[in-house]
């Protein structure tokens, strides 16, 4: 399922009437993690992945604001990350073996 489809599915669930709306919806956008592990945190493909995920989060946030206004609810959006990443200078590598 594409990231766009994932975001839309979450929006569809959140737009349901209160008695049918899930209490919690979680999403995982894997593309940034995959790209940064494969190509590095500053690679063009990684930056493109960040832009794509940022766009989907913006779509999701705009939909949540609209749902909150239209249905007089208070849906929240929480963003988390499992870690950060930075480039490592190969000359500064410490072999712990």
N, C-alpha and C. Protein backbone atom coordinates (compact mmCIF):
# COMPACT_ATOMS: atom_id res chain seq x y z
N UNK A 1 0.85 -1.17 0.00
CA UNK A 1 0.00 0.00 0.00
C UNK A 1 0.90 1.24 0.00
N UNK A 2 0.62 2.17 -0.87
CA UNK A 2 1.44 3.38 -0.94
C UNK A 2 1.23 4.25 0.30
N UNK A 3 2.15 5.18 0.50
CA UNK A 3 2.02 6.08 1.65
C UNK A 3 0.77 6.96 1.51
N UNK A 4 0.45 7.33 0.30
CA UNK A 4 -0.76 8.12 0.07
C UNK A 4 -2.01 7.32 0.44
N UNK A 5 -2.02 6.04 0.05
CA UNK A 5 -3.16 5.18 0.39
C UNK A 5 -3.26 4.96 1.90
N UNK A 6 -2.12 4.84 2.57
CA UNK A 6 -2.12 4.68 4.03
C UNK A 6 -2.73 5.90 4.71
N UNK A 7 -2.29 7.08 4.28
CA UNK A 7 -2.83 8.31 4.86
C UNK A 7 -4.33 8.41 4.59
N UNK A 8 -4.75 8.09 3.38
CA UNK A 8 -6.17 8.17 3.04
C UNK A 8 -7.00 7.18 3.85
N UNK A 9 -6.47 5.99 4.08
CA UNK A 9 -7.20 5.01 4.89
C UNK A 9 -7.40 5.54 6.30
N UNK A 10 -6.37 6.15 6.87
CA UNK A 10 -6.49 6.73 8.20
C UNK A 10 -7.54 7.85 8.20
N UNK A 11 -7.52 8.69 7.18
CA UNK A 11 -8.51 9.77 7.07
C UNK A 11 -9.91 9.19 6.99
N UNK A 12 -10.09 8.15 6.20
CA UNK A 12 -11.41 7.52 6.07
C UNK A 12 -11.90 6.99 7.42
N UNK A 13 -11.00 6.37 8.19
CA UNK A 13 -11.39 5.87 9.51
C UNK A 13 -11.75 7.01 10.45
N UNK A 14 -10.94 8.07 10.43
CA UNK A 14 -11.17 9.19 11.34
C UNK A 14 -12.42 9.98 10.99
N UNK A 15 -12.84 9.92 9.73
CA UNK A 15 -14.04 10.64 9.29
C UNK A 15 -15.33 9.89 9.62
N UNK A 16 -15.21 8.68 10.11
CA UNK A 16 -16.41 7.91 10.47
C UNK A 16 -17.15 8.60 11.61
N UNK A 17 -18.45 8.33 11.74
CA UNK A 17 -19.19 8.86 12.88
C UNK A 17 -18.55 8.39 14.19
N UNK A 18 -18.72 9.17 15.23
CA UNK A 18 -18.06 8.90 16.51
C UNK A 18 -18.25 7.47 17.01
N UNK A 19 -19.44 6.91 16.81
CA UNK A 19 -19.70 5.56 17.33
C UNK A 19 -18.99 4.47 16.51
N UNK A 20 -18.47 4.82 15.34
CA UNK A 20 -17.77 3.84 14.50
C UNK A 20 -16.28 4.17 14.33
N UNK A 21 -15.89 5.35 14.76
CA UNK A 21 -14.50 5.80 14.60
C UNK A 21 -13.59 5.05 15.57
N UNK A 22 -12.44 4.58 15.09
CA UNK A 22 -11.49 3.93 16.00
C UNK A 22 -10.96 4.94 17.03
N UNK A 23 -10.61 4.45 18.20
CA UNK A 23 -10.03 5.31 19.24
C UNK A 23 -8.57 5.63 18.96
N UNK A 24 -7.91 4.76 18.20
CA UNK A 24 -6.49 4.94 17.90
C UNK A 24 -6.21 4.42 16.49
N UNK A 25 -5.50 5.22 15.73
CA UNK A 25 -5.04 4.82 14.40
C UNK A 25 -3.54 5.05 14.38
N UNK A 26 -2.78 4.05 13.96
CA UNK A 26 -1.33 4.21 13.85
C UNK A 26 -0.91 4.01 12.39
N UNK A 27 0.09 4.76 12.00
CA UNK A 27 0.65 4.65 10.66
C UNK A 27 2.16 4.54 10.78
N UNK A 28 2.76 3.84 9.86
CA UNK A 28 4.21 3.77 9.78
C UNK A 28 4.60 4.05 8.34
N UNK A 29 5.36 5.10 8.15
CA UNK A 29 5.87 5.44 6.83
C UNK A 29 7.32 4.96 6.76
N UNK A 30 7.54 3.86 6.12
CA UNK A 30 8.84 3.18 6.13
C UNK A 30 9.87 3.76 5.18
N UNK A 31 9.47 4.56 4.24
CA UNK A 31 10.35 4.96 3.15
C UNK A 31 11.58 5.75 3.61
N UNK A 32 11.43 6.61 4.60
CA UNK A 32 12.58 7.39 5.07
C UNK A 32 13.60 6.48 5.74
N UNK A 33 13.14 5.60 6.58
CA UNK A 33 14.02 4.65 7.26
C UNK A 33 14.76 3.79 6.24
N UNK A 34 14.04 3.25 5.29
CA UNK A 34 14.65 2.38 4.27
C UNK A 34 15.68 3.14 3.44
N UNK A 35 15.31 4.33 2.99
CA UNK A 35 16.22 5.11 2.15
C UNK A 35 17.47 5.52 2.91
N UNK A 36 17.30 5.96 4.16
CA UNK A 36 18.48 6.43 4.90
C UNK A 36 19.42 5.29 5.27
N UNK A 37 18.88 4.10 5.55
CA UNK A 37 19.75 2.95 5.81
C UNK A 37 20.50 2.51 4.56
N UNK A 38 19.83 2.59 3.42
CA UNK A 38 20.43 2.13 2.17
C UNK A 38 21.39 3.14 1.57
N UNK A 39 20.99 4.43 1.56
CA UNK A 39 21.75 5.44 0.83
C UNK A 39 22.42 6.48 1.71
N UNK A 40 22.08 6.50 3.00
CA UNK A 40 22.65 7.51 3.90
C UNK A 40 21.65 8.61 4.20
N UNK A 41 21.83 9.28 5.32
CA UNK A 41 20.84 10.27 5.76
C UNK A 41 20.78 11.54 4.91
N UNK A 42 21.84 11.84 4.16
CA UNK A 42 21.84 13.07 3.35
C UNK A 42 21.71 12.80 1.85
N UNK A 43 21.44 11.58 1.48
CA UNK A 43 21.34 11.23 0.06
C UNK A 43 20.08 11.86 -0.56
N UNK A 44 20.13 12.19 -1.84
CA UNK A 44 18.96 12.76 -2.51
C UNK A 44 17.70 11.90 -2.37
N UNK A 45 17.84 10.59 -2.47
CA UNK A 45 16.67 9.72 -2.36
C UNK A 45 16.08 9.79 -0.94
N UNK A 46 16.92 9.96 0.05
CA UNK A 46 16.44 10.10 1.43
C UNK A 46 15.69 11.42 1.60
N UNK A 47 16.26 12.49 1.06
CA UNK A 47 15.60 13.79 1.15
C UNK A 47 14.26 13.78 0.40
N UNK A 48 14.20 13.11 -0.75
CA UNK A 48 12.93 12.97 -1.48
C UNK A 48 11.91 12.19 -0.65
N UNK A 49 12.39 11.19 0.05
CA UNK A 49 11.50 10.39 0.90
C UNK A 49 10.93 11.23 2.04
N UNK A 50 11.77 12.07 2.62
CA UNK A 50 11.32 12.96 3.69
C UNK A 50 10.24 13.90 3.17
N UNK A 51 10.46 14.45 1.99
CA UNK A 51 9.47 15.35 1.39
C UNK A 51 8.15 14.63 1.16
N UNK A 52 8.21 13.41 0.65
CA UNK A 52 6.98 12.64 0.39
C UNK A 52 6.22 12.38 1.68
N UNK A 53 6.91 11.94 2.71
CA UNK A 53 6.24 11.67 3.98
C UNK A 53 5.69 12.96 4.57
N UNK A 54 6.44 14.04 4.47
CA UNK A 54 5.97 15.33 4.96
C UNK A 54 4.68 15.74 4.27
N UNK A 55 4.59 15.49 2.98
CA UNK A 55 3.36 15.80 2.23
C UNK A 55 2.17 14.99 2.75
N UNK A 56 2.40 13.71 3.00
CA UNK A 56 1.31 12.86 3.49
C UNK A 56 0.88 13.26 4.90
N UNK A 57 1.83 13.67 5.71
CA UNK A 57 1.49 14.15 7.06
C UNK A 57 0.68 15.44 6.95
N UNK A 58 1.03 16.31 6.01
CA UNK A 58 0.27 17.55 5.81
C UNK A 58 -1.16 17.24 5.37
N UNK A 59 -1.33 16.29 4.46
CA UNK A 59 -2.67 15.89 4.02
C UNK A 59 -3.46 15.34 5.21
N UNK A 60 -2.83 14.50 5.98
CA UNK A 60 -3.48 13.92 7.15
C UNK A 60 -3.87 15.01 8.15
N UNK A 61 -2.96 15.93 8.42
CA UNK A 61 -3.24 17.00 9.39
C UNK A 61 -4.38 17.90 8.92
N UNK A 62 -4.38 18.25 7.64
CA UNK A 62 -5.46 19.08 7.10
C UNK A 62 -6.80 18.37 7.22
N UNK A 63 -6.81 17.07 6.97
CA UNK A 63 -8.05 16.30 7.09
C UNK A 63 -8.51 16.25 8.54
N UNK A 64 -7.59 16.06 9.46
CA UNK A 64 -7.95 16.02 10.88
C UNK A 64 -8.54 17.36 11.32
N UNK A 65 -7.92 18.46 10.91
CA UNK A 65 -8.47 19.77 11.25
C UNK A 65 -9.88 19.95 10.70
N UNK A 66 -10.09 19.48 9.49
CA UNK A 66 -11.41 19.57 8.87
C UNK A 66 -12.44 18.72 9.61
N UNK A 67 -12.06 17.50 9.94
CA UNK A 67 -12.96 16.60 10.69
C UNK A 67 -13.28 17.21 12.05
N UNK A 68 -12.27 17.73 12.72
CA UNK A 68 -12.50 18.35 14.03
C UNK A 68 -13.50 19.49 13.94
N UNK A 69 -13.39 20.30 12.91
CA UNK A 69 -14.29 21.44 12.73
C UNK A 69 -15.70 20.98 12.36
N UNK A 70 -15.80 20.06 11.41
CA UNK A 70 -17.10 19.63 10.92
C UNK A 70 -17.88 18.80 11.93
N UNK A 71 -17.16 17.96 12.67
CA UNK A 71 -17.84 17.04 13.59
C UNK A 71 -17.73 17.48 15.05
N UNK A 72 -17.14 18.63 15.30
CA UNK A 72 -16.97 19.14 16.67
C UNK A 72 -16.31 18.11 17.57
N UNK A 73 -15.20 17.56 17.09
CA UNK A 73 -14.44 16.57 17.86
C UNK A 73 -13.03 17.13 18.08
N UNK A 74 -12.23 16.37 18.78
CA UNK A 74 -10.87 16.80 19.09
C UNK A 74 -9.90 15.66 18.82
N UNK A 75 -9.74 15.33 17.55
CA UNK A 75 -8.79 14.30 17.14
C UNK A 75 -7.39 14.91 17.18
N UNK A 76 -6.46 14.19 17.76
CA UNK A 76 -5.09 14.65 17.87
C UNK A 76 -4.18 13.87 16.93
N UNK A 77 -3.07 14.49 16.56
CA UNK A 77 -2.05 13.85 15.74
C UNK A 77 -0.76 13.87 16.54
N UNK A 78 -0.17 12.71 16.72
CA UNK A 78 1.10 12.61 17.43
C UNK A 78 2.12 11.98 16.49
N UNK A 79 3.25 12.64 16.33
CA UNK A 79 4.32 12.12 15.48
C UNK A 79 5.47 11.68 16.36
N UNK A 80 5.96 10.49 16.09
CA UNK A 80 7.10 9.96 16.84
C UNK A 80 8.10 9.33 15.87
N UNK A 81 9.30 9.17 16.36
CA UNK A 81 10.35 8.52 15.59
C UNK A 81 11.04 7.52 16.50
N UNK A 82 11.53 6.43 15.94
CA UNK A 82 12.20 5.46 16.79
C UNK A 82 13.66 5.83 17.02
N UNK A 83 14.23 6.69 16.17
CA UNK A 83 15.62 7.15 16.34
C UNK A 83 15.93 8.21 15.31
N UNK A 84 17.09 8.83 15.47
CA UNK A 84 17.60 9.75 14.47
C UNK A 84 18.74 9.08 13.73
N UNK A 85 19.33 9.81 12.80
CA UNK A 85 20.44 9.24 12.05
C UNK A 85 21.35 10.37 11.61
N UNK A 86 22.63 10.10 11.62
CA UNK A 86 23.59 11.08 11.10
C UNK A 86 24.71 10.33 10.40
N UNK A 87 25.38 11.03 9.51
CA UNK A 87 26.50 10.42 8.80
C UNK A 87 27.66 10.22 9.76
N UNK A 88 28.42 9.17 9.52
CA UNK A 88 29.60 8.89 10.33
C UNK A 88 30.82 8.94 9.41
N UNK A 89 31.81 9.69 9.84
CA UNK A 89 33.05 9.78 9.09
C UNK A 89 33.78 8.44 9.19
N UNK A 90 34.04 7.77 8.06
CA UNK A 90 34.68 6.46 8.13
C UNK A 90 36.07 6.50 8.78
N UNK A 91 36.70 7.67 8.76
CA UNK A 91 38.01 7.81 9.42
C UNK A 91 37.90 7.88 10.93
N UNK A 92 36.69 8.10 11.42
CA UNK A 92 36.47 8.19 12.86
C UNK A 92 35.88 6.90 13.42
N UNK A 93 35.84 5.87 12.61
CA UNK A 93 35.28 4.58 13.00
C UNK A 93 36.13 3.92 14.08
N UNK A 94 35.48 3.38 15.09
CA UNK A 94 36.18 2.66 16.16
C UNK A 94 35.74 1.21 16.09
N UNK A 95 36.66 0.32 15.81
CA UNK A 95 36.36 -1.11 15.75
C UNK A 95 36.28 -1.63 17.18
N UNK A 96 35.10 -1.99 17.61
CA UNK A 96 34.92 -2.45 18.98
C UNK A 96 35.25 -3.93 19.16
N UNK A 97 35.59 -4.60 18.07
CA UNK A 97 35.99 -6.01 18.19
C UNK A 97 37.39 -6.07 18.76
